[in-house]
C-alpha atoms as a PDB file:
ATOM      1  CA  MET A   1       0.009  -0.001   0.003  1.00  0.00           C
ATOM      2  CA  ILE A   2       2.770   2.409   0.955  1.00  0.00           C
ATOM      3  CA  LEU A   3       4.763   1.500  -2.173  1.00  0.00           C
ATOM      4  CA  THR A   4       1.712   2.193  -4.344  1.00  0.00           C
ATOM      5  CA  LEU A   5       1.216   5.522  -2.629  1.00  0.00           C
ATOM      6  CA  ASN A   6       4.858   6.554  -3.096  1.00  0.00           C
ATOM      7  CA  ALA A   7       5.016   5.367  -6.715  1.00  0.00           C
ATOM      8  CA  ALA A   8       1.827   7.245  -7.616  1.00  0.00           C
ATOM      9  CA  ASN A   9       3.093  10.431  -5.956  1.00  0.00           C
ATOM     10  CA  THR A  10       6.459  10.142  -7.710  1.00  0.00           C
ATOM     11  CA  ILE A  11       4.929   9.783 -11.193  1.00  0.00           C
ATOM     12  CA  TYR A  12       2.413  12.536 -10.484  1.00  0.00           C
ATOM     13  CA  CYS A  13       5.123  14.961  -9.323  1.00  0.00           C
ATOM     14  CA  PHE A  14       7.295  14.091 -12.334  1.00  0.00           C
ATOM     15  CA  MET A  15       4.415  14.949 -14.678  1.00  0.00           C
ATOM     16  CA  LYS A  16       3.762  18.204 -12.869  1.00  0.00           C
ATOM     17  CA  ILE A  17       7.420  19.231 -13.107  1.00  0.00           C
ATOM     18  CA  SER A  18       7.581  18.312 -16.781  1.00  0.00           C
ATOM     19  CA  GLY A  19       4.877  20.901 -17.417  1.00  0.00           C
ATOM     20  CA  TYR A  20       7.334  23.646 -16.428  1.00  0.00           C
ATOM     21  CA  ILE A  21      10.076  22.284 -18.702  1.00  0.00           C
ATOM     22  CA  TYR A  22       8.139  21.250 -21.812  1.00  0.00           C
ATOM     23  CA  LYS A  23       5.444  23.610 -23.045  1.00  0.00           C
ATOM     24  CA  PRO A  24       2.269  21.794 -24.133  1.00  0.00           C
ATOM     25  CA  SER A  25       2.145  21.447 -27.917  1.00  0.00           C
ATOM     26  CA  GLY A  26      -1.586  21.063 -28.382  1.00  0.00           C
ATOM     27  CA  LEU A  27      -4.842  19.481 -27.293  1.00  0.00           C
ATOM     28  CA  PRO A  28      -3.710  15.830 -27.731  1.00  0.00           C
ATOM     29  CA  TYR A  29      -0.788  16.484 -25.364  1.00  0.00           C
ATOM     30  CA  CYS A  30      -3.113  18.134 -22.844  1.00  0.00           C
ATOM     31  CA  LYS A  31      -5.598  15.286 -22.889  1.00  0.00           C
ATOM     32  CA  THR A  32      -2.852  12.684 -22.534  1.00  0.00           C
ATOM     33  CA  ALA A  33      -1.179  14.586 -19.704  1.00  0.00           C
ATOM     34  CA  ILE A  34      -4.379  15.216 -17.739  1.00  0.00           C
ATOM     35  CA  THR A  35      -5.332  11.538 -18.064  1.00  0.00           C
ATOM     36  CA  ILE A  36      -1.997  10.446 -16.581  1.00  0.00           C
ATOM     37  CA  LEU A  37      -2.129  13.100 -13.864  1.00  0.00           C
ATOM     38  CA  ARG A  38      -5.647  12.221 -12.809  1.00  0.00           C
ATOM     39  CA  VAL A  39      -4.927   8.479 -12.794  1.00  0.00           C
ATOM     40  CA  PHE A  40      -1.972   8.785 -10.454  1.00  0.00           C
ATOM     41  CA  ILE A  41      -3.309  11.479  -8.124  1.00  0.00           C
ATOM     42  CA  CYS A  42      -6.494   9.425  -7.711  1.00  0.00           C
ATOM     43  CA  MET A  43      -4.388   6.314  -7.076  1.00  0.00           C
ATOM     44  CA  SER A  44      -2.422   8.212  -4.435  1.00  0.00           C
ATOM     45  CA  ILE A  45      -5.540   9.461  -2.651  1.00  0.00           C
ATOM     46  CA  LEU A  46      -7.168   6.015  -2.781  1.00  0.00           C
ATOM     47  CA  ALA A  47      -4.039   4.286  -1.478  1.00  0.00           C
ATOM     48  CA  SER A  48      -3.986   6.678   1.475  1.00  0.00           C
ATOM     49  CA  THR A  49      -7.682   5.986   2.103  1.00  0.00           C
ATOM     50  CA  LEU A  50      -7.267   2.218   1.868  1.00  0.00           C
ATOM     51  CA  PHE A  51      -4.331   2.396   4.270  1.00  0.00           C
ATOM     52  CA  GLY A  52      -6.815   3.738   6.831  1.00  0.00           C
ATOM     53  CA  HIS A  53      -9.054   0.731   6.198  1.00  0.00           C
ATOM     54  CA  THR A  54      -6.053  -1.608   6.488  1.00  0.00           C
ATOM     55  CA  LEU A  55      -5.062  -0.095   9.811  1.00  0.00           C
ATOM     56  CA  TYR A  56      -8.606  -0.419  11.125  1.00  0.00           C
ATOM     57  CA  THR A  57      -8.830  -4.077  10.013  1.00  0.00           C
ATOM     58  CA  ILE A  58      -5.508  -4.993  11.618  1.00  0.00           C
ATOM     59  CA  THR A  59      -6.385  -3.374  14.928  1.00  0.00           C
ATOM     60  CA  LYS A  60      -9.867  -4.914  14.945  1.00  0.00           C
ATOM     61  CA  TYR A  61      -8.769  -8.521  14.325  1.00  0.00           C
ATOM     62  CA  GLU A  62      -5.280  -8.231  15.892  1.00  0.00           C
ATOM     63  CA  SER A  63      -3.730 -10.017  12.908  1.00  0.00           C
ATOM     64  CA  LEU A  64      -1.975  -9.067   9.699  1.00  0.00           C
ATOM     65  CA  GLU A  65      -3.635 -12.069   8.064  1.00  0.00           C
ATOM     66  CA  ALA A  66      -7.011 -10.347   8.375  1.00  0.00           C
ATOM     67  CA  ILE A  67      -6.264  -8.050   5.434  1.00  0.00           C
ATOM     68  CA  GLU A  68      -5.465 -10.879   3.005  1.00  0.00           C
ATOM     69  CA  LYS A  69      -9.107 -11.269   1.980  1.00  0.00           C
ATOM     70  CA  TYR A  70      -9.221  -7.568   1.084  1.00  0.00           C
ATOM     71  CA  MET A  71      -6.117  -7.476  -1.109  1.00  0.00           C
ATOM     72  CA  LYS A  72      -7.930  -8.335  -4.358  1.00  0.00           C
ATOM     73  CA  ARG A  73     -10.555  -5.718  -3.596  1.00  0.00           C
ATOM     74  CA  TYR A  74      -7.850  -3.127  -2.889  1.00  0.00           C
ATOM     75  CA  LEU A  75      -6.196  -3.945  -6.206  1.00  0.00           C
ATOM     76  CA  LEU A  76      -9.513  -3.711  -8.073  1.00  0.00           C
ATOM     77  CA  VAL A  77     -10.346  -0.331  -6.532  1.00  0.00           C
ATOM     78  CA  LEU A  78      -6.820   1.024  -7.113  1.00  0.00           C
ATOM     79  CA  THR A  79      -7.071   0.057 -10.781  1.00  0.00           C
ATOM     80  CA  VAL A  80     -10.676   0.675 -11.850  1.00  0.00           C
ATOM     81  CA  VAL A  81     -11.436   3.958 -10.062  1.00  0.00           C
ATOM     82  CA  PRO A  82      -8.293   5.905 -11.093  1.00  0.00           C
ATOM     83  CA  LEU A  83      -8.530   4.651 -14.695  1.00  0.00           C
ATOM     84  CA  THR A  84     -12.206   5.608 -14.861  1.00  0.00           C
ATOM     85  CA  LEU A  85     -11.646   9.113 -13.509  1.00  0.00           C
ATOM     86  CA  GLY A  86      -8.450   9.611 -15.517  1.00  0.00           C
ATOM     87  CA  LEU A  87      -9.942   8.522 -18.845  1.00  0.00           C
ATOM     88  CA  SER A  88     -13.082  10.549 -18.147  1.00  0.00           C
ATOM     89  CA  SER A  89     -10.918  13.651 -17.667  1.00  0.00           C
ATOM     90  CA  GLY A  90      -9.075  13.030 -20.918  1.00  0.00           C
ATOM     91  CA  LEU A  91     -12.025  12.037 -23.095  1.00  0.00           C
ATOM     92  CA  THR A  92     -14.343  14.859 -22.028  1.00  0.00           C
ATOM     93  CA  ASN A  93     -13.987  18.630 -22.310  1.00  0.00           C
ATOM     94  CA  TYR A  94     -12.423  18.834 -18.853  1.00  0.00           C
ATOM     95  CA  ILE A  95      -9.152  20.088 -20.344  1.00  0.00           C
ATOM     96  CA  SER A  96      -8.544  22.461 -23.245  1.00  0.00           C
ATOM     97  CA  TYR A  97      -5.583  24.000 -25.037  1.00  0.00           C
ATOM     98  CA  SER A  98      -5.209  27.787 -24.958  1.00  0.00           C
ATOM     99  CA  GLN A  99      -3.896  29.133 -28.260  1.00  0.00           C
ATOM    100  CA  THR A 100      -3.057  32.479 -26.669  1.00  0.00           C
ATOM    101  CA  GLN A 101      -1.286  31.188 -23.548  1.00  0.00           C
ATOM    102  CA  HIS A 102       0.058  28.042 -25.226  1.00  0.00           C
ATOM    103  CA  THR A 103      -0.787  25.911 -22.268  1.00  0.00           C
ATOM    104  CA  CYS A 104      -3.390  23.456 -20.984  1.00  0.00           C
ATOM    105  CA  VAL A 105      -6.334  25.015 -19.164  1.00  0.00           C
ATOM    106  CA  HIS A 106      -9.567  23.974 -17.497  1.00  0.00           C
ATOM    107  CA  LEU A 107     -12.185  26.456 -18.610  1.00  0.00           C
ATOM    108  CA  ILE A 108     -14.598  27.856 -16.033  1.00  0.00           C
ATOM    109  CA  TYR A 109     -17.412  30.118 -17.178  1.00  0.00           C
ATOM    110  CA  PRO A 110     -18.642  32.823 -14.753  1.00  0.00           C
ATOM    111  CA  GLY A 111     -22.047  32.080 -13.255  1.00  0.00           C
ATOM    112  CA  GLU A 112     -22.163  28.497 -14.612  1.00  0.00           C
ATOM    113  CA  ILE A 113     -21.933  25.276 -12.614  1.00  0.00           C
ATOM    114  CA  ASP A 114     -18.792  23.298 -13.517  1.00  0.00           C
ATOM    115  CA  THR A 115     -20.308  19.809 -13.677  1.00  0.00           C
ATOM    116  CA  LEU A 116     -17.112  18.064 -14.752  1.00  0.00           C
ATOM    117  CA  LEU A 117     -15.099  19.590 -11.903  1.00  0.00           C
ATOM    118  CA  ILE A 118     -17.771  18.564  -9.395  1.00  0.00           C
ATOM    119  CA  PHE A 119     -18.115  14.920 -10.545  1.00  0.00           C
ATOM    120  CA  LEU A 120     -14.509  14.198 -11.585  1.00  0.00           C
ATOM    121  CA  VAL A 121     -12.663  16.005  -8.804  1.00  0.00           C
ATOM    122  CA  ILE A 122     -14.712  17.322  -5.896  1.00  0.00           C
ATOM    123  CA  ILE A 123     -17.002  14.377  -5.132  1.00  0.00           C
ATOM    124  CA  PRO A 124     -14.353  11.564  -5.426  1.00  0.00           C
ATOM    125  CA  THR A 125     -11.822  13.511  -3.350  1.00  0.00           C
ATOM    126  CA  ALA A 126     -14.387  14.391  -0.686  1.00  0.00           C
ATOM    127  CA  ILE A 127     -15.481  10.757  -0.363  1.00  0.00           C
ATOM    128  CA  CYS A 128     -11.869   9.598   0.056  1.00  0.00           C
ATOM    129  CA  CYS A 129     -11.151  12.234   2.706  1.00  0.00           C
ATOM    130  CA  ILE A 130     -14.254  11.348   4.703  1.00  0.00           C
ATOM    131  CA  LEU A 131     -13.544   7.590   4.569  1.00  0.00           C
ATOM    132  CA  SER A 132      -9.881   8.077   5.422  1.00  0.00           C
ATOM    133  CA  ALA A 133     -10.677  10.120   8.537  1.00  0.00           C
ATOM    134  CA  TYR A 134     -13.497   7.727   9.499  1.00  0.00           C
ATOM    135  CA  TRP A 135     -11.317   4.591   9.349  1.00  0.00           C
ATOM    136  CA  PHE A 136      -8.483   6.182  11.273  1.00  0.00           C
ATOM    137  CA  ILE A 137     -10.866   7.258  14.016  1.00  0.00           C
ATOM    138  CA  LYS A 138     -12.360   3.744  14.104  1.00  0.00           C
ATOM    139  CA  ALA A 139      -8.827   2.301  14.371  1.00  0.00           C
ATOM    140  CA  GLY A 140      -8.203   4.534  17.376  1.00  0.00           C
ATOM    141  CA  GLY A 141     -11.431   3.340  18.932  1.00  0.00           C
ATOM    142  CA  GLU A 142     -10.402  -0.301  18.465  1.00  0.00           C
ATOM    143  CA  LEU A 143      -7.034   0.328  20.122  1.00  0.00           C
ATOM    144  CA  ASN A 144      -8.686   1.985  23.099  1.00  0.00           C
ATOM    145  CA  ALA A 145     -11.315  -0.765  23.356  1.00  0.00           C
ATOM    146  CA  LYS A 146      -8.557  -3.390  23.541  1.00  0.00           C
ATOM    147  CA  GLY A 147      -6.778  -1.505  26.292  1.00  0.00           C
ATOM    148  CA  LEU A 148      -3.882  -0.390  24.087  1.00  0.00           C
ATOM    149  CA  ARG A 149      -4.173   3.297  24.820  1.00  0.00           C
ATOM    150  CA  GLY A 150      -0.415   3.736  25.073  1.00  0.00           C
ATOM    151  CA  SER A 151       1.095   7.075  25.865  1.00  0.00           C
ATOM    152  CA  LYS A 152      -0.548  10.448  25.379  1.00  0.00           C
ATOM    153  CA  ALA A 153       1.603  10.904  22.273  1.00  0.00           C
ATOM    154  CA  ASP A 154       0.033   7.782  20.714  1.00  0.00           C
ATOM    155  CA  SER A 155      -3.469   9.099  21.340  1.00  0.00           C
ATOM    156  CA  ILE A 156      -2.567  12.478  19.891  1.00  0.00           C
ATOM    157  CA  ALA A 157      -1.147  10.806  16.764  1.00  0.00           C
ATOM    158  CA  LEU A 158      -4.460   9.057  16.109  1.00  0.00           C
ATOM    159  CA  LEU A 159      -6.278  12.382  16.372  1.00  0.00           C
ATOM    160  CA  ILE A 160      -3.732  14.210  14.226  1.00  0.00           C
ATOM    161  CA  TYR A 161      -4.244  12.093  11.113  1.00  0.00           C
ATOM    162  CA  PRO A 162      -7.876  13.194  10.518  1.00  0.00           C
ATOM    163  CA  GLY A 163      -6.643  16.699  11.282  1.00  0.00           C
ATOM    164  CA  ILE A 164      -4.044  16.400   8.533  1.00  0.00           C
ATOM    165  CA  VAL A 165      -6.699  15.333   6.045  1.00  0.00           C
ATOM    166  CA  ILE A 166      -8.812  18.360   7.003  1.00  0.00           C
ATOM    167  CA  PHE A 167      -5.842  20.744   6.901  1.00  0.00           C
ATOM    168  CA  CYS A 168      -4.548  19.527   3.530  1.00  0.00           C
ATOM    169  CA  TRP A 169      -7.787  18.921   1.635  1.00  0.00           C
ATOM    170  CA  ILE A 170     -10.565  21.152   2.992  1.00  0.00           C
ATOM    171  CA  PRO A 171      -9.018  24.378   1.559  1.00  0.00           C
ATOM    172  CA  ILE A 172      -8.644  22.985  -1.983  1.00  0.00           C
ATOM    173  CA  LEU A 173     -12.050  21.261  -1.819  1.00  0.00           C
ATOM    174  CA  THR A 174     -13.754  24.433  -0.590  1.00  0.00           C
ATOM    175  CA  TYR A 175     -12.024  26.458  -3.288  1.00  0.00           C
ATOM    176  CA  ASN A 176     -13.044  23.970  -5.986  1.00  0.00           C
ATOM    177  CA  VAL A 177     -16.647  23.907  -4.755  1.00  0.00           C
ATOM    178  CA  LEU A 178     -16.843  27.703  -4.949  1.00  0.00           C
ATOM    179  CA  LYS A 179     -15.336  27.615  -8.447  1.00  0.00           C
ATOM    180  CA  GLY A 180     -17.466  24.703  -9.548  1.00  0.00           C
ATOM    181  CA  PHE A 181     -20.679  26.470  -8.619  1.00  0.00           C
ATOM    182  CA  GLY A 182     -19.514  29.755 -10.111  1.00  0.00           C
ATOM    183  CA  TYR A 183     -19.253  31.742  -6.883  1.00  0.00           C
ATOM    184  CA  ILE A 184     -15.641  32.899  -7.402  1.00  0.00           C
ATOM    185  CA  GLN A 185     -13.248  33.412 -10.277  1.00  0.00           C
ATOM    186  CA  PRO A 186     -10.178  31.092 -10.496  1.00  0.00           C
ATOM    187  CA  SER A 187      -6.823  32.494  -9.447  1.00  0.00           C
ATOM    188  CA  GLU A 188      -3.531  30.990 -10.607  1.00  0.00           C
ATOM    189  CA  THR A 189      -1.795  32.026  -7.379  1.00  0.00           C
ATOM    190  CA  VAL A 190      -4.470  30.449  -5.186  1.00  0.00           C
ATOM    191  CA  ASP A 191      -4.392  27.293  -7.331  1.00  0.00           C
ATOM    192  CA  VAL A 192      -0.638  26.900  -6.838  1.00  0.00           C
ATOM    193  CA  VAL A 193      -0.707  27.613  -3.081  1.00  0.00           C
ATOM    194  CA  LEU A 194      -3.586  25.242  -2.334  1.00  0.00           C
ATOM    195  CA  SER A 195      -2.159  22.511  -4.583  1.00  0.00           C
ATOM    196  CA  ASN A 196       1.119  22.657  -2.650  1.00  0.00           C
ATOM    197  CA  ILE A 197      -0.766  22.384   0.647  1.00  0.00           C
ATOM    198  CA  TYR A 198      -2.520  19.110  -0.226  1.00  0.00           C
ATOM    199  CA  GLN A 199       0.724  17.646  -1.604  1.00  0.00           C
ATOM    200  CA  PHE A 200       2.274  18.395   1.800  1.00  0.00           C
ATOM    201  CA  GLN A 201       0.161  15.559   3.235  1.00  0.00           C
ATOM    202  CA  GLY A 202       2.825  12.963   2.450  1.00  0.00           C
ATOM    203  CA  LEU A 203       5.356  14.534   4.816  1.00  0.00           C
ATOM    204  CA  LEU A 204       2.776  14.998   7.566  1.00  0.00           C
ATOM    205  CA  ASP A 205       1.623  11.391   7.189  1.00  0.00           C
ATOM    206  CA  ALA A 206       5.182  10.136   7.656  1.00  0.00           C
ATOM    207  CA  VAL A 207       5.259  11.885  11.033  1.00  0.00           C
ATOM    208  CA  THR A 208       1.896  10.551  12.243  1.00  0.00           C
ATOM    209  CA  TYR A 209       2.660   6.951  11.230  1.00  0.00           C
ATOM    210  CA  GLY A 210       4.468   6.746  14.562  1.00  0.00           C
ATOM    211  CA  ILE A 211       1.308   5.035  15.804  1.00  0.00           C
ATOM    212  CA  ALA A 212       2.662   1.888  14.118  1.00  0.00           C
ATOM    213  CA  PRO A 213       4.180   0.521  17.390  1.00  0.00           C
ATOM    214  CA  ARG A 214       0.659   0.361  18.847  1.00  0.00           C
ATOM    215  CA  VAL A 215      -0.485  -1.721  15.878  1.00  0.00           C
ATOM    216  CA  LYS A 216       2.550  -4.013  16.098  1.00  0.00           C
ATOM    217  CA  GLU A 217       1.954  -4.476  19.827  1.00  0.00           C
ATOM    218  CA  CYS A 218      -1.649  -5.414  19.072  1.00  0.00           C
ATOM    219  CA  CYS A 219      -0.597  -8.039  16.510  1.00  0.00           C
ATOM    220  CA  ALA A 220       2.381  -9.261  18.533  1.00  0.00           C
ATOM    221  CA  ARG A 221       0.143 -10.039  21.488  1.00  0.00           C
ATOM    222  CA  ARG A 222      -2.045 -12.177  19.256  1.00  0.00           C
ATOM    223  CA  TYR A 223       0.914 -14.070  17.725  1.00  0.00           C
ATOM    224  CA  SER A 224       2.607 -14.594  21.066  1.00  0.00           C
ATOM    225  CA  ARG A 225      -0.460 -16.440  22.354  1.00  0.00           C
ATOM    226  CA  ILE A 226      -0.483 -18.675  19.255  1.00  0.00           C
ATOM    227  CA  ASN A 227       3.255 -19.379  19.520  1.00  0.00           C
ATOM    228  CA  GLU A 228       2.984 -20.240  23.210  1.00  0.00           C
ATOM    229  CA  LYS A 229       0.386 -22.895  22.376  1.00  0.00           C
ATOM    230  CA  ASP A 230       2.579 -24.337  19.626  1.00  0.00           C
ATOM    231  CA  VAL A 231       5.655 -24.418  21.855  1.00  0.00           C
ATOM    232  CA  GLY A 232       3.697 -26.117  24.652  1.00  0.00           C
ATOM    233  CA  SER A 233       2.417 -28.781  22.263  1.00  0.00           C
ATOM    234  CA  ASN A 234       5.883 -29.491  20.825  1.00  0.00           C
ATOM    235  CA  HIS A 235       7.377 -29.603  24.324  1.00  0.00           C
ATOM    236  CA  SER A 236       4.912 -32.297  25.378  1.00  0.00           C
ATOM    237  CA  LEU A 237       5.780 -34.423  22.341  1.00  0.00           C
ATOM    238  CA  VAL A 238       9.509 -34.217  23.084  1.00  0.00           C
ATOM    239  CA  ILE A 239       9.060 -35.315  26.679  1.00  0.00           C
ATOM    240  CA  LEU A 240       6.817 -38.241  25.745  1.00  0.00           C
ATOM    241  CA  SER A 241       9.243 -39.534  23.105  1.00  0.00           C
ATOM    242  CA  SER A 242      12.352 -38.941  25.216  1.00  0.00           C
ATOM    243  CA  PRO A 243      11.626 -39.843  28.835  1.00  0.00           C
ATOM    244  CA  ASN A 244      15.286 -39.420  29.823  1.00  0.00           C
ATOM    245  CA  LEU A 245      15.090 -35.623  29.275  1.00  0.00           C
ATOM    246  CA  THR A 246      14.202 -33.384  32.171  1.00  0.00           C
ATOM    247  CA  ASP A 247      12.059 -30.231  32.053  1.00  0.00           C
ATOM    248  CA  SER A 248      15.131 -28.051  32.431  1.00  0.00           C
ATOM    249  CA  GLU A 249      16.558 -29.406  29.159  1.00  0.00           C
ATOM    250  CA  SER A 250      13.637 -28.624  26.946  1.00  0.00           C
ATOM    251  CA  GLN A 251      11.541 -22.373  25.404  1.00  0.00           C
ATOM    252  CA  ARG A 252      -3.884  21.846 -10.320  1.00  0.00           C
ATOM    253  CA  ASP A 253      -1.190  24.219 -10.861  1.00  0.00           C
ATOM    254  CA  HIS A 254      -1.044  26.698 -13.796  1.00  0.00           C
ATOM    255  CA  TYR A 255      -1.104  23.867 -16.290  1.00  0.00           C
ATOM    256  CA  PHE A 256      -3.727  21.551 -14.894  1.00  0.00           C
ATOM    257  CA  GLN A 257      -6.596  21.760 -12.484  1.00  0.00           C
ATOM    258  CA  ILE A 258      -6.709  18.371 -10.732  1.00  0.00           C
END
């Protein structure tokens, strides 16, 4: 999950940077680029959301094996949803080529509702943010219910993650909603600033993933009980077969609006 998240972010950032180096040549380039960008940013957001579900599942069942039955579903979601949204962005009029600015633009008309922005960007992103925060809060509830409250720092970390989602995504979502419904005019400066804020989530996530020791403790307790049973069973077999042994002998920037 983490590898998928990092790979998607790397490719997305590479495409964003390439827009500053190579000027778009026309509409086919813009449609190809926005398709790739949307596929990988959606994959990144989904991977982060599914990580929250993975964490909740592990803490609930106290076993890493509990997520095995979800792996195919994760793979299906991480493939179908990004491809659908990415291709929809490229095959519709979501992106255009400006002959005057010689760049790719997403056109917003004053006073008109931007349906494509709402359905291809705002709604999917909002759903992922809500689910991500929900599953992380549920994971914290499971840890507390099992008596693994840990230190105050651990509890704060569980509360910080939903806060990071709100801090990184609410500004860009609010801005996009206002643009999508025609309440404000787009600003290139605001686009760049807010885009950089949500991309800052990766660094903040790395800090909050310090809650991992709580999860490992939860799983380790489960495995230790299983191993103790196995060791006790094997110990009994050794003693029965070898009676001579004693007990002591056997232990969107200015190019693209995402």
